[in-house]
């Protein structure tokens, strides 16, 4: 299971960028936060966002700019969907900066 939401909130708050953490088990609201790190089931899909980053392409959300993070094999499908909707697609590939280690 990805813990992107927890890592994002921890890193942003450590860098003095207030970020709420909202999961099915936790709700840590930080005073003055304009950023949210949430698990997919807790995402507010009725709100429009300026920018959203979705780990593992598990859902969609209304945003002016949307970053979908996932397996490159999903790129053709995402491009096909966004061609139909008329949205602009920019594909970027990133090198993993830390080793992927399976849990025991």
PDB file of N, CA and C in Angstrom:
ATOM      1  N   UNK A   1       0.837  -1.180   0.000  1.00  0.00           N
ATOM      2  CA  UNK A   1       0.000   0.000   0.000  1.00  0.00           C
ATOM      3  C   UNK A   1       0.885   1.247   0.000  1.00  0.00           C
ATOM      4  N   UNK A   2       0.538   2.210  -0.818  1.00  0.00           N
ATOM      5  CA  UNK A   2       1.280   3.460  -0.901  1.00  0.00           C
ATOM      6  C   UNK A   2       1.011   4.315   0.334  1.00  0.00           C
ATOM      7  N   UNK A   3       2.032   4.995   0.799  1.00  0.00           N
ATOM      8  CA  UNK A   3       1.852   5.917   1.913  1.00  0.00           C
ATOM      9  C   UNK A   3       2.207   7.316   1.470  1.00  0.00           C
ATOM     10  N   UNK A   4       1.962   7.623   0.186  1.00  0.00           N
ATOM     11  CA  UNK A   4       2.295   8.929  -0.357  1.00  0.00           C
ATOM     12  C   UNK A   4       1.659  10.044   0.458  1.00  0.00           C
ATOM     13  N   UNK A   5       0.407   9.885   0.835  1.00  0.00           N
ATOM     14  CA  UNK A   5      -0.320  10.919   1.583  1.00  0.00           C
ATOM     15  C   UNK A   5       0.386  11.271   2.873  1.00  0.00           C
ATOM     16  N   UNK A   6       0.850  10.271   3.595  1.00  0.00           N
ATOM     17  CA  UNK A   6       1.526  10.500   4.871  1.00  0.00           C
ATOM     18  C   UNK A   6       2.871  11.179   4.645  1.00  0.00           C
ATOM     19  N   UNK A   7       3.635  10.693   3.649  1.00  0.00           N
ATOM     20  CA  UNK A   7       4.942  11.267   3.340  1.00  0.00           C
ATOM     21  C   UNK A   7       4.824  12.718   2.899  1.00  0.00           C
ATOM     22  N   UNK A   8       3.835  13.014   2.061  1.00  0.00           N
ATOM     23  CA  UNK A   8       3.638  14.382   1.571  1.00  0.00           C
ATOM     24  C   UNK A   8       3.343  15.322   2.740  1.00  0.00           C
ATOM     25  N   UNK A   9       2.403  14.949   3.587  1.00  0.00           N
ATOM     26  CA  UNK A   9       2.043  15.799   4.715  1.00  0.00           C
ATOM     27  C   UNK A   9       3.247  16.025   5.627  1.00  0.00           C
ATOM     28  N   UNK A  10       3.976  14.968   5.923  1.00  0.00           N
ATOM     29  CA  UNK A  10       5.148  15.076   6.807  1.00  0.00           C
ATOM     30  C   UNK A  10       6.197  16.015   6.216  1.00  0.00           C
ATOM     31  N   UNK A  11       6.515  15.824   4.927  1.00  0.00           N
ATOM     32  CA  UNK A  11       7.546  16.644   4.294  1.00  0.00           C
ATOM     33  C   UNK A  11       7.135  18.111   4.173  1.00  0.00           C
ATOM     34  N   UNK A  12       5.885  18.355   3.787  1.00  0.00           N
ATOM     35  CA  UNK A  12       5.433  19.740   3.651  1.00  0.00           C
ATOM     36  C   UNK A  12       5.417  20.455   4.995  1.00  0.00           C
ATOM     37  N   UNK A  13       4.880  19.808   6.020  1.00  0.00           N
ATOM     38  CA  UNK A  13       4.843  20.443   7.336  1.00  0.00           C
ATOM     39  C   UNK A  13       6.242  20.683   7.889  1.00  0.00           C
ATOM     40  N   UNK A  14       7.168  19.766   7.632  1.00  0.00           N
ATOM     41  CA  UNK A  14       8.566  19.936   8.062  1.00  0.00           C
ATOM     42  C   UNK A  14       9.202  21.139   7.368  1.00  0.00           C
ATOM     43  N   UNK A  15       8.773  21.406   6.116  1.00  0.00           N
ATOM     44  CA  UNK A  15       9.296  22.537   5.343  1.00  0.00           C
ATOM     45  C   UNK A  15       8.496  23.822   5.601  1.00  0.00           C
ATOM     46  N   UNK A  16       7.675  23.809   6.655  1.00  0.00           N
ATOM     47  CA  UNK A  16       6.845  24.969   7.037  1.00  0.00           C
ATOM     48  C   UNK A  16       5.823  25.338   5.963  1.00  0.00           C
ATOM     49  N   UNK A  17       5.316  24.336   5.253  1.00  0.00           N
ATOM     50  CA  UNK A  17       4.211  24.508   4.310  1.00  0.00           C
ATOM     51  C   UNK A  17       3.038  23.745   4.918  1.00  0.00           C
ATOM     52  N   UNK A  18       2.109  24.445   5.576  1.00  0.00           N
ATOM     53  CA  UNK A  18       1.015  23.756   6.274  1.00  0.00           C
ATOM     54  C   UNK A  18       0.216  22.843   5.352  1.00  0.00           C
ATOM     55  N   UNK A  19       0.055  21.595   5.786  1.00  0.00           N
ATOM     56  CA  UNK A  19      -0.639  20.580   4.986  1.00  0.00           C
ATOM     57  C   UNK A  19      -1.481  19.699   5.904  1.00  0.00           C
ATOM     58  N   UNK A  20      -2.773  19.604   5.607  1.00  0.00           N
ATOM     59  CA  UNK A  20      -3.661  18.711   6.350  1.00  0.00           C
ATOM     60  C   UNK A  20      -3.397  17.270   5.941  1.00  0.00           C
ATOM     61  N   UNK A  21      -3.627  16.334   6.866  1.00  0.00           N
ATOM     62  CA  UNK A  21      -3.545  14.911   6.597  1.00  0.00           C
ATOM     63  C   UNK A  21      -4.911  14.308   6.883  1.00  0.00           C
ATOM     64  N   UNK A  22      -5.549  13.745   5.861  1.00  0.00           N
ATOM     65  CA  UNK A  22      -6.896  13.200   6.030  1.00  0.00           C
ATOM     66  C   UNK A  22      -6.931  11.789   5.449  1.00  0.00           C
ATOM     67  N   UNK A  23      -7.144  10.815   6.319  1.00  0.00           N
ATOM     68  CA  UNK A  23      -7.274   9.418   5.906  1.00  0.00           C
ATOM     69  C   UNK A  23      -8.515   8.844   6.578  1.00  0.00           C
ATOM     70  N   UNK A  24      -8.799   7.597   6.293  1.00  0.00           N
ATOM     71  CA  UNK A  24      -9.917   6.944   6.953  1.00  0.00           C
ATOM     72  C   UNK A  24      -9.701   6.800   8.450  1.00  0.00           C
ATOM     73  N   UNK A  25      -8.440   6.750   8.891  1.00  0.00           N
ATOM     74  CA  UNK A  25      -8.113   6.580  10.305  1.00  0.00           C
ATOM     75  C   UNK A  25      -7.652   7.856  10.994  1.00  0.00           C
ATOM     76  N   UNK A  26      -7.103   8.802  10.239  1.00  0.00           N
ATOM     77  CA  UNK A  26      -6.520  10.005  10.827  1.00  0.00           C
ATOM     78  C   UNK A  26      -7.094  11.269  10.198  1.00  0.00           C
ATOM     79  N   UNK A  27      -7.185  12.302  11.012  1.00  0.00           N
ATOM     80  CA  UNK A  27      -7.552  13.621  10.496  1.00  0.00           C
ATOM     81  C   UNK A  27      -6.728  14.638  11.283  1.00  0.00           C
ATOM     82  N   UNK A  28      -5.651  15.098  10.679  1.00  0.00           N
ATOM     83  CA  UNK A  28      -4.778  16.090  11.293  1.00  0.00           C
ATOM     84  C   UNK A  28      -4.883  17.373  10.477  1.00  0.00           C
ATOM     85  N   UNK A  29      -5.668  18.318  10.992  1.00  0.00           N
ATOM     86  CA  UNK A  29      -5.834  19.591  10.289  1.00  0.00           C
ATOM     87  C   UNK A  29      -4.853  20.600  10.875  1.00  0.00           C
ATOM     88  N   UNK A  30      -4.105  21.241   9.998  1.00  0.00           N
ATOM     89  CA  UNK A  30      -3.063  22.176  10.397  1.00  0.00           C
ATOM     90  C   UNK A  30      -3.558  23.593  10.136  1.00  0.00           C
ATOM     91  N   UNK A  31      -3.410  24.455  11.119  1.00  0.00           N
ATOM     92  CA  UNK A  31      -3.876  25.838  10.977  1.00  0.00           C
ATOM     93  C   UNK A  31      -3.199  26.512   9.792  1.00  0.00           C
ATOM     94  N   UNK A  32      -3.994  27.168   8.954  1.00  0.00           N
ATOM     95  CA  UNK A  32      -3.472  27.899   7.806  1.00  0.00           C
ATOM     96  C   UNK A  32      -3.136  27.028   6.606  1.00  0.00           C
ATOM     97  N   UNK A  33      -3.504  25.760   6.626  1.00  0.00           N
ATOM     98  CA  UNK A  33      -3.157  24.838   5.533  1.00  0.00           C
ATOM     99  C   UNK A  33      -3.959  25.152   4.265  1.00  0.00           C
ATOM    100  N   UNK A  34      -3.246  25.243   3.151  1.00  0.00           N
ATOM    101  CA  UNK A  34      -3.870  25.385   1.832  1.00  0.00           C
ATOM    102  C   UNK A  34      -3.603  24.134   0.994  1.00  0.00           C
ATOM    103  N   UNK A  35      -2.955  23.132   1.604  1.00  0.00           N
ATOM    104  CA  UNK A  35      -2.642  21.869   0.937  1.00  0.00           C
ATOM    105  C   UNK A  35      -3.261  20.737   1.745  1.00  0.00           C
ATOM    106  N   UNK A  36      -3.604  19.645   1.052  1.00  0.00           N
ATOM    107  CA  UNK A  36      -4.165  18.472   1.709  1.00  0.00           C
ATOM    108  C   UNK A  36      -3.493  17.225   1.152  1.00  0.00           C
ATOM    109  N   UNK A  37      -3.162  16.301   2.030  1.00  0.00           N
ATOM    110  CA  UNK A  37      -2.698  14.973   1.638  1.00  0.00           C
ATOM    111  C   UNK A  37      -3.780  14.014   2.110  1.00  0.00           C
ATOM    112  N   UNK A  38      -4.429  13.343   1.157  1.00  0.00           N
ATOM    113  CA  UNK A  38      -5.566  12.490   1.515  1.00  0.00           C
ATOM    114  C   UNK A  38      -5.469  11.137   0.821  1.00  0.00           C
ATOM    115  N   UNK A  39      -6.070  10.138   1.454  1.00  0.00           N
ATOM    116  CA  UNK A  39      -6.199   8.850   0.790  1.00  0.00           C
ATOM    117  C   UNK A  39      -7.343   8.968  -0.199  1.00  0.00           C
ATOM    118  N   UNK A  40      -7.339   8.126  -1.221  1.00  0.00           N
ATOM    119  CA  UNK A  40      -8.287   8.262  -2.319  1.00  0.00           C
ATOM    120  C   UNK A  40      -9.736   8.197  -1.841  1.00  0.00           C
ATOM    121  N   UNK A  41     -10.025   7.362  -0.855  1.00  0.00           N
ATOM    122  CA  UNK A  41     -11.411   7.256  -0.402  1.00  0.00           C
ATOM    123  C   UNK A  41     -11.878   8.474   0.380  1.00  0.00           C
ATOM    124  N   UNK A  42     -10.954   9.329   0.809  1.00  0.00           N
ATOM    125  CA  UNK A  42     -11.307  10.523   1.564  1.00  0.00           C
ATOM    126  C   UNK A  42     -11.244  11.792   0.719  1.00  0.00           C
ATOM    127  N   UNK A  43     -10.902  11.670  -0.554  1.00  0.00           N
ATOM    128  CA  UNK A  43     -10.790  12.840  -1.427  1.00  0.00           C
ATOM    129  C   UNK A  43     -12.154  13.479  -1.640  1.00  0.00           C
ATOM    130  N   UNK A  44     -12.198  14.798  -1.568  1.00  0.00           N
ATOM    131  CA  UNK A  44     -13.429  15.556  -1.810  1.00  0.00           C
ATOM    132  C   UNK A  44     -13.565  15.767  -3.313  1.00  0.00           C
ATOM    133  N   UNK A  45     -14.339  14.919  -3.963  1.00  0.00           N
ATOM    134  CA  UNK A  45     -14.469  14.992  -5.412  1.00  0.00           C
ATOM    135  C   UNK A  45     -15.472  16.047  -5.863  1.00  0.00           C
ATOM    136  N   UNK A  46     -16.092  16.748  -4.920  1.00  0.00           N
ATOM    137  CA  UNK A  46     -17.042  17.800  -5.284  1.00  0.00           C
ATOM    138  C   UNK A  46     -16.381  19.173  -5.331  1.00  0.00           C
ATOM    139  N   UNK A  47     -15.097  19.247  -5.013  1.00  0.00           N
ATOM    140  CA  UNK A  47     -14.353  20.504  -5.002  1.00  0.00           C
ATOM    141  C   UNK A  47     -13.460  20.582  -6.238  1.00  0.00           C
ATOM    142  N   UNK A  48     -13.322  21.787  -6.811  1.00  0.00           N
ATOM    143  CA  UNK A  48     -12.382  22.017  -7.908  1.00  0.00           C
ATOM    144  C   UNK A  48     -11.057  22.471  -7.304  1.00  0.00           C
ATOM    145  N   UNK A  49      -9.961  21.892  -7.770  1.00  0.00           N
ATOM    146  CA  UNK A  49      -8.634  22.211  -7.250  1.00  0.00           C
ATOM    147  C   UNK A  49      -7.789  22.885  -8.327  1.00  0.00           C
ATOM    148  N   UNK A  50      -6.795  23.671  -7.905  1.00  0.00           N
ATOM    149  CA  UNK A  50      -5.860  24.262  -8.861  1.00  0.00           C
ATOM    150  C   UNK A  50      -4.887  23.210  -9.354  1.00  0.00           C
ATOM    151  N   UNK A  51      -4.468  22.321  -8.471  1.00  0.00           N
ATOM    152  CA  UNK A  51      -3.528  21.268  -8.850  1.00  0.00           C
ATOM    153  C   UNK A  51      -3.780  20.055  -7.963  1.00  0.00           C
ATOM    154  N   UNK A  52      -3.764  18.863  -8.552  1.00  0.00           N
ATOM    155  CA  UNK A  52      -3.925  17.626  -7.801  1.00  0.00           C
ATOM    156  C   UNK A  52      -2.922  16.603  -8.314  1.00  0.00           C
ATOM    157  N   UNK A  53      -2.379  15.799  -7.405  1.00  0.00           N
ATOM    158  CA  UNK A  53      -1.456  14.726  -7.754  1.00  0.00           C
ATOM    159  C   UNK A  53      -2.083  13.434  -7.249  1.00  0.00           C
ATOM    160  N   UNK A  54      -2.278  12.472  -8.155  1.00  0.00           N
ATOM    161  CA  UNK A  54      -2.918  11.219  -7.786  1.00  0.00           C
ATOM    162  C   UNK A  54      -1.911  10.092  -7.948  1.00  0.00           C
ATOM    163  N   UNK A  55      -1.620   9.416  -6.852  1.00  0.00           N
ATOM    164  CA  UNK A  55      -0.669   8.311  -6.845  1.00  0.00           C
ATOM    165  C   UNK A  55      -1.336   7.042  -7.358  1.00  0.00           C
ATOM    166  N   UNK A  56      -0.665   6.330  -8.216  1.00  0.00           N
ATOM    167  CA  UNK A  56      -1.125   5.050  -8.748  1.00  0.00           C
ATOM    168  C   UNK A  56      -2.415   5.142  -9.565  1.00  0.00           C
ATOM    169  N   UNK A  57      -2.756   6.334 -10.045  1.00  0.00           N
ATOM    170  CA  UNK A  57      -3.906   6.550 -10.925  1.00  0.00           C
ATOM    171  C   UNK A  57      -5.149   5.817 -10.416  1.00  0.00           C
ATOM    172  N   UNK A  58      -5.459   5.988  -9.135  1.00  0.00           N
ATOM    173  CA  UNK A  58      -6.571   5.257  -8.530  1.00  0.00           C
ATOM    174  C   UNK A  58      -7.901   5.977  -8.639  1.00  0.00           C
ATOM    175  N   UNK A  59      -7.907   7.232  -9.004  1.00  0.00           N
ATOM    176  CA  UNK A  59      -9.154   7.990  -9.048  1.00  0.00           C
ATOM    177  C   UNK A  59      -8.945   9.214  -9.919  1.00  0.00           C
ATOM    178  N   UNK A  60      -9.982  10.006 -10.051  1.00  0.00           N
ATOM    179  CA  UNK A  60      -9.878  11.270 -10.755  1.00  0.00           C
ATOM    180  C   UNK A  60     -10.534  12.338  -9.905  1.00  0.00           C
ATOM    181  N   UNK A  61     -10.182  13.568 -10.183  1.00  0.00           N
ATOM    182  CA  UNK A  61     -10.679  14.686  -9.384  1.00  0.00           C
ATOM    183  C   UNK A  61     -10.655  15.933 -10.253  1.00  0.00           C
ATOM    184  N   UNK A  62     -11.549  16.860 -10.016  1.00  0.00           N
ATOM    185  CA  UNK A  62     -11.603  18.093 -10.808  1.00  0.00           C
ATOM    186  C   UNK A  62     -10.453  19.009 -10.401  1.00  0.00           C
ATOM    187  N   UNK A  63      -9.595  19.329 -11.359  1.00  0.00           N
ATOM    188  CA  UNK A  63      -8.458  20.212 -11.092  1.00  0.00           C
ATOM    189  C   UNK A  63      -8.046  20.880 -12.397  1.00  0.00           C
ATOM    190  N   UNK A  64      -7.555  22.135 -12.297  1.00  0.00           N
ATOM    191  CA  UNK A  64      -7.041  22.816 -13.480  1.00  0.00           C
ATOM    192  C   UNK A  64      -5.834  22.071 -14.037  1.00  0.00           C
ATOM    193  N   UNK A  65      -5.011  21.536 -13.137  1.00  0.00           N
ATOM    194  CA  UNK A  65      -3.821  20.771 -13.515  1.00  0.00           C
ATOM    195  C   UNK A  65      -3.853  19.479 -12.715  1.00  0.00           C
ATOM    196  N   UNK A  66      -3.698  18.362 -13.386  1.00  0.00           N
ATOM    197  CA  UNK A  66      -3.795  17.055 -12.724  1.00  0.00           C
ATOM    198  C   UNK A  66      -2.573  16.221 -13.074  1.00  0.00           C
ATOM    199  N   UNK A  67      -1.901  15.706 -12.060  1.00  0.00           N
ATOM    200  CA  UNK A  67      -0.743  14.837 -12.246  1.00  0.00           C
ATOM    201  C   UNK A  67      -1.155  13.419 -11.881  1.00  0.00           C
ATOM    202  N   UNK A  68      -1.037  12.487 -12.826  1.00  0.00           N
ATOM    203  CA  UNK A  68      -1.352  11.090 -12.573  1.00  0.00           C
ATOM    204  C   UNK A  68      -0.042  10.325 -12.486  1.00  0.00           C
ATOM    205  N   UNK A  69       0.216   9.716 -11.355  1.00  0.00           N
ATOM    206  CA  UNK A  69       1.457   8.975 -11.155  1.00  0.00           C
ATOM    207  C   UNK A  69       1.146   7.485 -11.212  1.00  0.00           C
ATOM    208  N   UNK A  70       1.837   6.751 -12.075  1.00  0.00           N
ATOM    209  CA  UNK A  70       1.570   5.330 -12.167  1.00  0.00           C
ATOM    210  C   UNK A  70       2.435   4.652 -13.201  1.00  0.00           C
ATOM    211  N   UNK A  71       2.083   3.429 -13.513  1.00  0.00           N
ATOM    212  CA  UNK A  71       2.834   2.610 -14.451  1.00  0.00           C
ATOM    213  C   UNK A  71       2.748   3.187 -15.865  1.00  0.00           C
ATOM    214  N   UNK A  72       3.878   3.247 -16.581  1.00  0.00           N
ATOM    215  CA  UNK A  72       3.876   3.768 -17.952  1.00  0.00           C
ATOM    216  C   UNK A  72       2.925   3.025 -18.888  1.00  0.00           C
ATOM    217  N   UNK A  73       2.565   1.797 -18.563  1.00  0.00           N
ATOM    218  CA  UNK A  73       1.642   1.030 -19.404  1.00  0.00           C
ATOM    219  C   UNK A  73       0.266   1.688 -19.474  1.00  0.00           C
ATOM    220  N   UNK A  74      -0.057   2.569 -18.518  1.00  0.00           N
ATOM    221  CA  UNK A  74      -1.352   3.243 -18.505  1.00  0.00           C
ATOM    222  C   UNK A  74      -1.385   4.460 -19.428  1.00  0.00           C
ATOM    223  N   UNK A  75      -0.234   4.912 -19.904  1.00  0.00           N
ATOM    224  CA  UNK A  75      -0.159   6.137 -20.705  1.00  0.00           C
ATOM    225  C   UNK A  75      -1.063   6.100 -21.942  1.00  0.00           C
ATOM    226  N   UNK A  76      -1.041   5.053 -22.773  1.00  0.00           N
ATOM    227  CA  UNK A  76      -1.905   5.063 -23.961  1.00  0.00           C
ATOM    228  C   UNK A  76      -3.397   5.204 -23.618  1.00  0.00           C
ATOM    229  N   UNK A  77      -3.847   4.540 -22.575  1.00  0.00           N
ATOM    230  CA  UNK A  77      -5.248   4.637 -22.175  1.00  0.00           C
ATOM    231  C   UNK A  77      -5.583   6.050 -21.703  1.00  0.00           C
ATOM    232  N   UNK A  78      -4.723   6.624 -20.884  1.00  0.00           N
ATOM    233  CA  UNK A  78      -4.949   7.989 -20.396  1.00  0.00           C
ATOM    234  C   UNK A  78      -4.964   8.966 -21.573  1.00  0.00           C
ATOM    235  N   UNK A  79      -4.036   8.804 -22.524  1.00  0.00           N
ATOM    236  CA  UNK A  79      -3.999   9.681 -23.696  1.00  0.00           C
ATOM    237  C   UNK A  79      -5.290   9.554 -24.505  1.00  0.00           C
ATOM    238  N   UNK A  80      -5.788   8.344 -24.657  1.00  0.00           N
ATOM    239  CA  UNK A  80      -7.015   8.119 -25.415  1.00  0.00           C
ATOM    240  C   UNK A  80      -8.207   8.786 -24.730  1.00  0.00           C
ATOM    241  N   UNK A  81      -8.291   8.645 -23.431  1.00  0.00           N
ATOM    242  CA  UNK A  81      -9.389   9.268 -22.676  1.00  0.00           C
ATOM    243  C   UNK A  81      -9.325  10.790 -22.806  1.00  0.00           C
ATOM    244  N   UNK A  82      -8.128  11.346 -22.657  1.00  0.00           N
ATOM    245  CA  UNK A  82      -7.995  12.799 -22.687  1.00  0.00           C
ATOM    246  C   UNK A  82      -8.107  13.367 -24.097  1.00  0.00           C
ATOM    247  N   UNK A  83      -7.853  12.568 -25.110  1.00  0.00           N
ATOM    248  CA  UNK A  83      -8.130  13.005 -26.483  1.00  0.00           C
ATOM    249  C   UNK A  83      -9.634  13.213 -26.666  1.00  0.00           C
ATOM    250  N   UNK A  84     -10.419  12.317 -26.097  1.00  0.00           N
ATOM    251  CA  UNK A  84     -11.880  12.413 -26.194  1.00  0.00           C
ATOM    252  C   UNK A  84     -12.398  13.644 -25.461  1.00  0.00           C
ATOM    253  N   UNK A  85     -11.810  13.941 -24.292  1.00  0.00           N
ATOM    254  CA  UNK A  85     -12.281  15.082 -23.501  1.00  0.00           C
ATOM    255  C   UNK A  85     -11.701  16.402 -23.985  1.00  0.00           C
ATOM    256  N   UNK A  86     -10.687  16.338 -24.865  1.00  0.00           N
ATOM    257  CA  UNK A  86     -10.086  17.563 -25.391  1.00  0.00           C
ATOM    258  C   UNK A  86      -9.070  18.189 -24.454  1.00  0.00           C
ATOM    259  N   UNK A  87      -8.652  17.445 -23.447  1.00  0.00           N
ATOM    260  CA  UNK A  87      -7.664  17.968 -22.501  1.00  0.00           C
ATOM    261  C   UNK A  87      -6.246  17.778 -23.037  1.00  0.00           C
ATOM    262  N   UNK A  88      -5.357  18.652 -22.631  1.00  0.00           N
ATOM    263  CA  UNK A  88      -3.958  18.588 -23.043  1.00  0.00           C
ATOM    264  C   UNK A  88      -3.224  17.559 -22.196  1.00  0.00           C
ATOM    265  N   UNK A  89      -2.381  16.758 -22.851  1.00  0.00           N
ATOM    266  CA  UNK A  89      -1.629  15.717 -22.156  1.00  0.00           C
ATOM    267  C   UNK A  89      -0.142  15.985 -22.303  1.00  0.00           C
ATOM    268  N   UNK A  90       0.574  15.937 -21.202  1.00  0.00           N
ATOM    269  CA  UNK A  90       2.032  16.016 -21.223  1.00  0.00           C
ATOM    270  C   UNK A  90       2.547  14.837 -20.414  1.00  0.00           C
ATOM    271  N   UNK A  91       3.304  13.951 -21.058  1.00  0.00           N
ATOM    272  CA  UNK A  91       3.817  12.766 -20.391  1.00  0.00           C
ATOM    273  C   UNK A  91       5.263  13.026 -19.969  1.00  0.00           C
ATOM    274  N   UNK A  92       5.555  12.764 -18.706  1.00  0.00           N
ATOM    275  CA  UNK A  92       6.915  12.901 -18.193  1.00  0.00           C
ATOM    276  C   UNK A  92       7.299  11.612 -17.491  1.00  0.00           C
ATOM    277  N   UNK A  93       8.529  11.210 -17.658  1.00  0.00           N
ATOM    278  CA  UNK A  93       9.036  10.014 -16.998  1.00  0.00           C
ATOM    279  C   UNK A  93      10.099  10.435 -15.994  1.00  0.00           C
ATOM    280  N   UNK A  94      10.084   9.823 -14.833  1.00  0.00           N
ATOM    281  CA  UNK A  94      11.018  10.167 -13.766  1.00  0.00           C
ATOM    282  C   UNK A  94      11.785   8.926 -13.328  1.00  0.00           C
ATOM    283  N   UNK A  95      13.031   9.118 -12.975  1.00  0.00           N
ATOM    284  CA  UNK A  95      13.863   8.033 -12.468  1.00  0.00           C
ATOM    285  C   UNK A  95      13.585   7.856 -10.984  1.00  0.00           C
ATOM    286  N   UNK A  96      13.448   6.600 -10.548  1.00  0.00           N
ATOM    287  CA  UNK A  96      13.254   6.330  -9.118  1.00  0.00           C
ATOM    288  C   UNK A  96      14.517   6.738  -8.374  1.00  0.00           C
ATOM    289  N   UNK A  97      14.375   7.558  -7.332  1.00  0.00           N
ATOM    290  CA  UNK A  97      15.532   8.071  -6.610  1.00  0.00           C
ATOM    291  C   UNK A  97      15.942   7.184  -5.439  1.00  0.00           C
ATOM    292  N   UNK A  98      15.050   6.306  -5.022  1.00  0.00           N
ATOM    293  CA  UNK A  98      15.380   5.393  -3.934  1.00  0.00           C
ATOM    294  C   UNK A  98      15.043   3.975  -4.376  1.00  0.00           C
ATOM    295  N   UNK A  99      15.750   2.992  -3.839  1.00  0.00           N
ATOM    296  CA  UNK A  99      15.491   1.618  -4.280  1.00  0.00           C
ATOM    297  C   UNK A  99      14.110   1.141  -3.835  1.00  0.00           C
ATOM    298  N   UNK A 100      13.521   0.291  -4.641  1.00  0.00           N
ATOM    299  CA  UNK A 100      12.230  -0.313  -4.308  1.00  0.00           C
ATOM    300  C   UNK A 100      12.545  -1.600  -3.545  1.00  0.00           C
ATOM    301  N   UNK A 101      12.150  -1.651  -2.279  1.00  0.00           N
ATOM    302  CA  UNK A 101      12.470  -2.791  -1.425  1.00  0.00           C
ATOM    303  C   UNK A 101      11.180  -3.420  -0.940  1.00  0.00           C
ATOM    304  N   UNK A 102      10.977  -4.729  -1.189  1.00  0.00           N
ATOM    305  CA  UNK A 102       9.735  -5.366  -0.734  1.00  0.00           C
ATOM    306  C   UNK A 102       9.692  -5.459   0.784  1.00  0.00           C
ATOM    307  N   UNK A 103       8.469  -5.388   1.321  1.00  0.00           N
ATOM    308  CA  UNK A 103       8.278  -5.516   2.764  1.00  0.00           C
ATOM    309  C   UNK A 103       8.420  -6.981   3.147  1.00  0.00           C
ATOM    310  N   UNK A 104       8.854  -7.234   4.365  1.00  0.00           N
ATOM    311  CA  UNK A 104       9.012  -8.620   4.849  1.00  0.00           C
ATOM    312  C   UNK A 104       7.670  -9.201   5.196  1.00  0.00           C
TER     313      UNK A 104
END
